[in-house]
PDB file of N, CA and C in Angstrom:
ATOM      1  N   UNK A   1       9.724  14.734 -20.892  1.00  0.00           N
ATOM      2  CA  UNK A   1       8.410  14.253 -20.602  1.00  0.00           C
ATOM      3  C   UNK A   1       8.357  13.844 -19.217  1.00  0.00           C
ATOM      4  N   UNK A   2       9.270  13.455 -18.642  1.00  0.00           N
ATOM      5  CA  UNK A   2       9.162  13.128 -17.118  1.00  0.00           C
ATOM      6  C   UNK A   2       8.616  14.247 -16.359  1.00  0.00           C
ATOM      7  N   UNK A   3       8.962  15.520 -16.536  1.00  0.00           N
ATOM      8  CA  UNK A   3       8.675  16.552 -15.577  1.00  0.00           C
ATOM      9  C   UNK A   3       7.278  16.803 -15.888  1.00  0.00           C
ATOM     10  N   UNK A   4       6.757  16.829 -17.140  1.00  0.00           N
ATOM     11  CA  UNK A   4       5.350  16.950 -17.518  1.00  0.00           C
ATOM     12  C   UNK A   4       4.362  16.026 -16.788  1.00  0.00           C
ATOM     13  N   UNK A   5       4.866  14.755 -17.040  1.00  0.00           N
ATOM     14  CA  UNK A   5       4.126  13.618 -16.342  1.00  0.00           C
ATOM     15  C   UNK A   5       3.943  13.927 -14.800  1.00  0.00           C
ATOM     16  N   UNK A   6       4.974  14.215 -14.158  1.00  0.00           N
ATOM     17  CA  UNK A   6       5.073  14.350 -12.615  1.00  0.00           C
ATOM     18  C   UNK A   6       4.165  15.334 -12.490  1.00  0.00           C
ATOM     19  N   UNK A   7       4.147  16.603 -13.082  1.00  0.00           N
ATOM     20  CA  UNK A   7       3.405  17.581 -12.822  1.00  0.00           C
ATOM     21  C   UNK A   7       1.842  17.313 -13.056  1.00  0.00           C
ATOM     22  N   UNK A   8       1.667  16.456 -14.113  1.00  0.00           N
ATOM     23  CA  UNK A   8       0.117  16.127 -14.347  1.00  0.00           C
ATOM     24  C   UNK A   8      -0.292  15.333 -13.221  1.00  0.00           C
ATOM     25  N   UNK A   9       0.512  14.416 -12.782  1.00  0.00           N
ATOM     26  CA  UNK A   9       0.096  13.348 -11.806  1.00  0.00           C
ATOM     27  C   UNK A   9      -0.049  14.101 -10.405  1.00  0.00           C
ATOM     28  N   UNK A  10       0.673  15.071 -10.135  1.00  0.00           N
ATOM     29  CA  UNK A  10       0.675  15.832  -8.934  1.00  0.00           C
ATOM     30  C   UNK A  10      -0.622  16.710  -8.873  1.00  0.00           C
ATOM     31  N   UNK A  11      -0.889  17.284 -10.152  1.00  0.00           N
ATOM     32  CA  UNK A  11      -2.126  18.265 -10.211  1.00  0.00           C
ATOM     33  C   UNK A  11      -3.138  17.369 -10.053  1.00  0.00           C
ATOM     34  N   UNK A  12      -3.253  16.146 -10.707  1.00  0.00           N
ATOM     35  CA  UNK A  12      -4.537  15.445 -10.646  1.00  0.00           C
ATOM     36  C   UNK A  12      -4.686  14.910  -9.313  1.00  0.00           C
ATOM     37  N   UNK A  13      -3.668  14.548  -8.542  1.00  0.00           N
ATOM     38  CA  UNK A  13      -3.820  14.152  -7.160  1.00  0.00           C
ATOM     39  C   UNK A  13      -4.339  15.256  -6.236  1.00  0.00           C
ATOM     40  N   UNK A  14      -3.863  16.497  -6.396  1.00  0.00           N
ATOM     41  CA  UNK A  14      -4.405  17.552  -5.677  1.00  0.00           C
ATOM     42  C   UNK A  14      -5.823  17.983  -6.081  1.00  0.00           C
ATOM     43  N   UNK A  15      -6.430  17.678  -7.201  1.00  0.00           N
ATOM     44  CA  UNK A  15      -7.509  17.807  -7.772  1.00  0.00           C
ATOM     45  C   UNK A  15      -8.662  16.746  -7.010  1.00  0.00           C
ATOM     46  N   UNK A  16      -8.181  15.653  -7.223  1.00  0.00           N
ATOM     47  CA  UNK A  16      -9.048  14.453  -6.463  1.00  0.00           C
ATOM     48  C   UNK A  16      -9.015  14.699  -4.986  1.00  0.00           C
ATOM     49  N   UNK A  17      -8.115  15.263  -4.299  1.00  0.00           N
ATOM     50  CA  UNK A  17      -8.160  15.389  -2.875  1.00  0.00           C
ATOM     51  C   UNK A  17      -9.070  16.652  -2.579  1.00  0.00           C
ATOM     52  N   UNK A  18      -9.045  17.702  -3.395  1.00  0.00           N
ATOM     53  CA  UNK A  18     -10.113  18.649  -3.355  1.00  0.00           C
ATOM     54  C   UNK A  18     -11.645  18.334  -3.548  1.00  0.00           C
ATOM     55  N   UNK A  19     -11.700  17.380  -4.537  1.00  0.00           N
ATOM     56  CA  UNK A  19     -13.039  16.776  -4.714  1.00  0.00           C
ATOM     57  C   UNK A  19     -13.583  16.039  -3.522  1.00  0.00           C
ATOM     58  N   UNK A  20     -12.754  15.195  -2.837  1.00  0.00           N
ATOM     59  CA  UNK A  20     -12.949  14.649  -1.912  1.00  0.00           C
ATOM     60  C   UNK A  20     -13.256  15.425  -0.579  1.00  0.00           C
ATOM     61  N   UNK A  21     -12.483  16.470  -0.321  1.00  0.00           N
ATOM     62  CA  UNK A  21     -12.653  17.507   0.703  1.00  0.00           C
ATOM     63  C   UNK A  21     -14.095  18.132   0.479  1.00  0.00           C
ATOM     64  N   UNK A  22     -14.447  18.581  -0.850  1.00  0.00           N
ATOM     65  CA  UNK A  22     -15.879  18.988  -1.055  1.00  0.00           C
ATOM     66  C   UNK A  22     -16.767  18.171  -0.731  1.00  0.00           C
ATOM     67  N   UNK A  23     -16.715  16.794  -1.154  1.00  0.00           N
ATOM     68  CA  UNK A  23     -17.734  15.838  -0.940  1.00  0.00           C
ATOM     69  C   UNK A  23     -17.907  15.737   0.807  1.00  0.00           C
ATOM     70  N   UNK A  24     -16.835  15.694   1.393  1.00  0.00           N
ATOM     71  CA  UNK A  24     -17.006  15.703   2.873  1.00  0.00           C
ATOM     72  C   UNK A  24     -17.774  16.780   3.481  1.00  0.00           C
ATOM     73  N   UNK A  25     -17.597  18.016   2.847  1.00  0.00           N
ATOM     74  CA  UNK A  25     -18.167  19.083   3.412  1.00  0.00           C
ATOM     75  C   UNK A  25     -19.515  19.105   3.138  1.00  0.00           C
ATOM     76  N   UNK A  26     -20.147  18.757   1.946  1.00  0.00           N
ATOM     77  CA  UNK A  26     -21.544  18.397   1.582  1.00  0.00           C
ATOM     78  C   UNK A  26     -22.161  17.459   2.507  1.00  0.00           C
ATOM     79  N   UNK A  27     -21.487  16.327   2.530  1.00  0.00           N
ATOM     80  CA  UNK A  27     -22.197  15.314   3.277  1.00  0.00           C
ATOM     81  C   UNK A  27     -22.203  15.680   4.692  1.00  0.00           C
ATOM     82  N   UNK A  28     -21.328  16.371   5.407  1.00  0.00           N
ATOM     83  CA  UNK A  28     -21.219  16.850   6.783  1.00  0.00           C
ATOM     84  C   UNK A  28     -22.482  17.802   7.042  1.00  0.00           C
ATOM     85  N   UNK A  29     -22.589  18.648   5.972  1.00  0.00           N
ATOM     86  CA  UNK A  29     -23.892  19.605   6.190  1.00  0.00           C
ATOM     87  C   UNK A  29     -25.053  18.738   6.154  1.00  0.00           C
ATOM     88  N   UNK A  30     -25.287  18.006   5.403  1.00  0.00           N
ATOM     89  CA  UNK A  30     -26.705  17.234   5.403  1.00  0.00           C
ATOM     90  C   UNK A  30     -26.798  16.238   6.419  1.00  0.00           C
ATOM     91  N   UNK A  31     -25.630  15.720   6.883  1.00  0.00           N
ATOM     92  CA  UNK A  31     -25.793  14.851   8.007  1.00  0.00           C
ATOM     93  C   UNK A  31     -26.126  15.476   9.184  1.00  0.00           C
ATOM     94  N   UNK A  32     -25.777  16.757   9.382  1.00  0.00           N
ATOM     95  CA  UNK A  32     -26.117  17.569  10.442  1.00  0.00           C
ATOM     96  C   UNK A  32     -27.465  18.009  10.455  1.00  0.00           C
ATOM     97  N   UNK A  33     -27.924  18.272   9.250  1.00  0.00           N
ATOM     98  CA  UNK A  33     -29.413  18.525   9.198  1.00  0.00           C
ATOM     99  C   UNK A  33     -30.437  17.386   9.454  1.00  0.00           C
ATOM    100  N   UNK A  34     -29.895  16.165   9.015  1.00  0.00           N
ATOM    101  CA  UNK A  34     -30.628  14.949   9.411  1.00  0.00           C
ATOM    102  C   UNK A  34     -30.535  14.521  10.931  1.00  0.00           C
ATOM    103  N   UNK A  35     -29.520  14.707  11.437  1.00  0.00           N
ATOM    104  CA  UNK A  35     -29.388  14.505  12.985  1.00  0.00           C
ATOM    105  C   UNK A  35     -30.448  15.375  13.668  1.00  0.00           C
ATOM    106  N   UNK A  36     -30.586  16.783  13.306  1.00  0.00           N
ATOM    107  CA  UNK A  36     -31.624  17.676  13.828  1.00  0.00           C
ATOM    108  C   UNK A  36     -32.797  17.161  13.669  1.00  0.00           C
ATOM    109  N   UNK A  37     -33.240  16.732  12.474  1.00  0.00           N
ATOM    110  CA  UNK A  37     -34.629  16.298  12.362  1.00  0.00           C
ATOM    111  C   UNK A  37     -34.737  14.854  13.160  1.00  0.00           C
ATOM    112  N   UNK A  38     -33.839  14.067  13.352  1.00  0.00           N
ATOM    113  CA  UNK A  38     -34.140  12.731  14.280  1.00  0.00           C
ATOM    114  C   UNK A  38     -34.189  13.247  15.717  1.00  0.00           C
ATOM    115  N   UNK A  39     -33.387  14.109  16.020  1.00  0.00           N
ATOM    116  CA  UNK A  39     -33.674  14.713  17.496  1.00  0.00           C
ATOM    117  C   UNK A  39     -34.937  15.488  17.821  1.00  0.00           C
ATOM    118  N   UNK A  40     -35.516  15.880  16.688  1.00  0.00           N
ATOM    119  CA  UNK A  40     -36.951  16.431  17.098  1.00  0.00           C
ATOM    120  C   UNK A  40     -38.021  15.190  17.610  1.00  0.00           C
ATOM    121  N   UNK A  41     -37.887  14.193  17.183  1.00  0.00           N
ATOM    122  CA  UNK A  41     -38.812  12.990  17.551  1.00  0.00           C
ATOM    123  C   UNK A  41     -40.160  13.116  17.234  1.00  0.00           C
ATOM    124  N   UNK A  42     -40.548  13.416  16.149  1.00  0.00           N
ATOM    125  CA  UNK A  42     -42.049  13.937  15.786  1.00  0.00           C
ATOM    126  C   UNK A  42     -43.063  12.600  16.006  1.00  0.00           C
ATOM    127  N   UNK A  43     -44.030  13.072  16.551  1.00  0.00           N
ATOM    128  CA  UNK A  43     -45.040  11.819  16.764  1.00  0.00           C
ATOM    129  C   UNK A  43     -45.607  11.268  15.507  1.00  0.00           C
ATOM    130  N   UNK A  44     -45.668   9.843  15.597  1.00  0.00           N
ATOM    131  CA  UNK A  44     -46.330   9.117  14.481  1.00  0.00           C
ATOM    132  C   UNK A  44     -45.419   8.878  13.178  1.00  0.00           C
ATOM    133  N   UNK A  45     -44.317   9.063  13.301  1.00  0.00           N
ATOM    134  CA  UNK A  45     -43.415   9.130  12.133  1.00  0.00           C
ATOM    135  C   UNK A  45     -42.271   8.286  12.209  1.00  0.00           C
ATOM    136  N   UNK A  46     -42.347   7.109  13.177  1.00  0.00           N
ATOM    137  CA  UNK A  46     -41.203   6.211  13.696  1.00  0.00           C
ATOM    138  C   UNK A  46     -40.420   5.715  12.636  1.00  0.00           C
ATOM    139  N   UNK A  47     -41.192   5.235  11.440  1.00  0.00           N
ATOM    140  CA  UNK A  47     -40.527   4.763  10.347  1.00  0.00           C
ATOM    141  C   UNK A  47     -39.510   5.678   9.697  1.00  0.00           C
ATOM    142  N   UNK A  48     -40.296   6.955   9.423  1.00  0.00           N
ATOM    143  CA  UNK A  48     -39.347   8.021   8.934  1.00  0.00           C
ATOM    144  C   UNK A  48     -38.114   8.306   9.697  1.00  0.00           C
ATOM    145  N   UNK A  49     -38.443   8.356  10.950  1.00  0.00           N
ATOM    146  CA  UNK A  49     -37.214   8.514  11.921  1.00  0.00           C
ATOM    147  C   UNK A  49     -36.159   7.500  11.833  1.00  0.00           C
ATOM    148  N   UNK A  50     -36.672   6.295  11.838  1.00  0.00           N
ATOM    149  CA  UNK A  50     -35.616   5.305  11.412  1.00  0.00           C
ATOM    150  C   UNK A  50     -34.817   5.281  10.013  1.00  0.00           C
ATOM    151  N   UNK A  51     -35.642   5.719   9.158  1.00  0.00           N
ATOM    152  CA  UNK A  51     -34.891   5.782   7.751  1.00  0.00           C
ATOM    153  C   UNK A  51     -33.853   7.031   7.841  1.00  0.00           C
ATOM    154  N   UNK A  52     -34.334   8.194   8.660  1.00  0.00           N
ATOM    155  CA  UNK A  52     -33.172   9.003   8.538  1.00  0.00           C
ATOM    156  C   UNK A  52     -32.119   8.659   9.260  1.00  0.00           C
ATOM    157  N   UNK A  53     -32.254   7.803  10.397  1.00  0.00           N
ATOM    158  CA  UNK A  53     -31.005   7.401  11.131  1.00  0.00           C
ATOM    159  C   UNK A  53     -30.097   6.771  10.254  1.00  0.00           C
ATOM    160  N   UNK A  54     -30.663   5.698   9.375  1.00  0.00           N
ATOM    161  CA  UNK A  54     -30.009   4.980   8.497  1.00  0.00           C
ATOM    162  C   UNK A  54     -29.171   5.885   7.506  1.00  0.00           C
ATOM    163  N   UNK A  55     -29.835   6.894   6.848  1.00  0.00           N
ATOM    164  CA  UNK A  55     -29.270   7.754   5.931  1.00  0.00           C
ATOM    165  C   UNK A  55     -27.852   8.465   6.634  1.00  0.00           C
ATOM    166  N   UNK A  56     -28.285   8.730   7.796  1.00  0.00           N
ATOM    167  CA  UNK A  56     -27.076   9.487   8.427  1.00  0.00           C
ATOM    168  C   UNK A  56     -25.994   8.704   8.637  1.00  0.00           C
ATOM    169  N   UNK A  57     -26.090   7.658   9.146  1.00  0.00           N
ATOM    170  CA  UNK A  57     -25.213   6.464   9.220  1.00  0.00           C
ATOM    171  C   UNK A  57     -24.548   6.142   8.087  1.00  0.00           C
ATOM    172  N   UNK A  58     -25.356   6.160   6.966  1.00  0.00           N
ATOM    173  CA  UNK A  58     -24.621   5.840   5.609  1.00  0.00           C
ATOM    174  C   UNK A  58     -23.569   7.113   5.196  1.00  0.00           C
ATOM    175  N   UNK A  59     -24.084   8.243   5.488  1.00  0.00           N
ATOM    176  CA  UNK A  59     -23.311   9.491   5.255  1.00  0.00           C
ATOM    177  C   UNK A  59     -22.134   9.472   6.079  1.00  0.00           C
ATOM    178  N   UNK A  60     -22.133   9.030   7.216  1.00  0.00           N
ATOM    179  CA  UNK A  60     -20.972   8.893   8.348  1.00  0.00           C
ATOM    180  C   UNK A  60     -20.114   8.006   7.802  1.00  0.00           C
ATOM    181  N   UNK A  61     -20.548   6.902   7.242  1.00  0.00           N
ATOM    182  CA  UNK A  61     -19.580   5.933   6.766  1.00  0.00           C
ATOM    183  C   UNK A  61     -18.744   6.382   5.553  1.00  0.00           C
ATOM    184  N   UNK A  62     -19.638   6.927   4.633  1.00  0.00           N
ATOM    185  CA  UNK A  62     -18.814   7.669   3.293  1.00  0.00           C
ATOM    186  C   UNK A  62     -17.797   8.555   3.832  1.00  0.00           C
ATOM    187  N   UNK A  63     -18.232   9.598   4.660  1.00  0.00           N
ATOM    188  CA  UNK A  63     -17.137  10.609   5.127  1.00  0.00           C
ATOM    189  C   UNK A  63     -15.731   9.688   5.654  1.00  0.00           C
ATOM    190  N   UNK A  64     -15.912   8.723   6.504  1.00  0.00           N
ATOM    191  CA  UNK A  64     -14.987   8.097   7.101  1.00  0.00           C
ATOM    192  C   UNK A  64     -14.128   7.493   5.913  1.00  0.00           C
ATOM    193  N   UNK A  65     -14.693   6.752   4.855  1.00  0.00           N
ATOM    194  CA  UNK A  65     -14.109   6.236   3.795  1.00  0.00           C
ATOM    195  C   UNK A  65     -13.365   7.559   3.062  1.00  0.00           C
ATOM    196  N   UNK A  66     -13.999   8.756   2.748  1.00  0.00           N
ATOM    197  CA  UNK A  66     -13.229   9.698   2.100  1.00  0.00           C
ATOM    198  C   UNK A  66     -12.017  10.093   2.848  1.00  0.00           C
ATOM    199  N   UNK A  67     -12.219  10.214   4.120  1.00  0.00           N
ATOM    200  CA  UNK A  67     -11.189  11.039   5.067  1.00  0.00           C
ATOM    201  C   UNK A  67      -9.993   9.900   4.882  1.00  0.00           C
ATOM    202  N   UNK A  68     -10.325   8.561   4.997  1.00  0.00           N
ATOM    203  CA  UNK A  68      -9.221   7.570   4.887  1.00  0.00           C
ATOM    204  C   UNK A  68      -8.456   7.677   3.398  1.00  0.00           C
ATOM    205  N   UNK A  69      -9.120   7.902   2.316  1.00  0.00           N
ATOM    206  CA  UNK A  69      -8.535   8.005   1.058  1.00  0.00           C
ATOM    207  C   UNK A  69      -7.734   9.265   1.154  1.00  0.00           C
ATOM    208  N   UNK A  70      -7.928  10.283   1.819  1.00  0.00           N
ATOM    209  CA  UNK A  70      -7.041  11.601   1.762  1.00  0.00           C
ATOM    210  C   UNK A  70      -5.799  11.191   2.348  1.00  0.00           C
ATOM    211  N   UNK A  71      -5.710  10.523   3.459  1.00  0.00           N
ATOM    212  CA  UNK A  71      -4.480  10.280   4.081  1.00  0.00           C
ATOM    213  C   UNK A  71      -3.607   9.048   3.404  1.00  0.00           C
ATOM    214  N   UNK A  72      -4.018   8.733   2.237  1.00  0.00           N
ATOM    215  CA  UNK A  72      -3.049   7.585   1.743  1.00  0.00           C
ATOM    216  C   UNK A  72      -1.779   8.336   1.162  1.00  0.00           C
TER     217      UNK A  72
END
């Protein structure tokens, strides 16, 4: 039983790490897209721009958290 449990734990850890890496990839993509929109500085949509900046920062914080979890 010990070897099976070790295998399952190792497999589960690799699976969870892959999920985190995939989430980092998706969030990175959307953060880059939002950053481009913020850089455009459209006229008359200052509040929208502010919200996009907030969302971008939230994504950055989540990526930092996920990257920290990978290195545990």
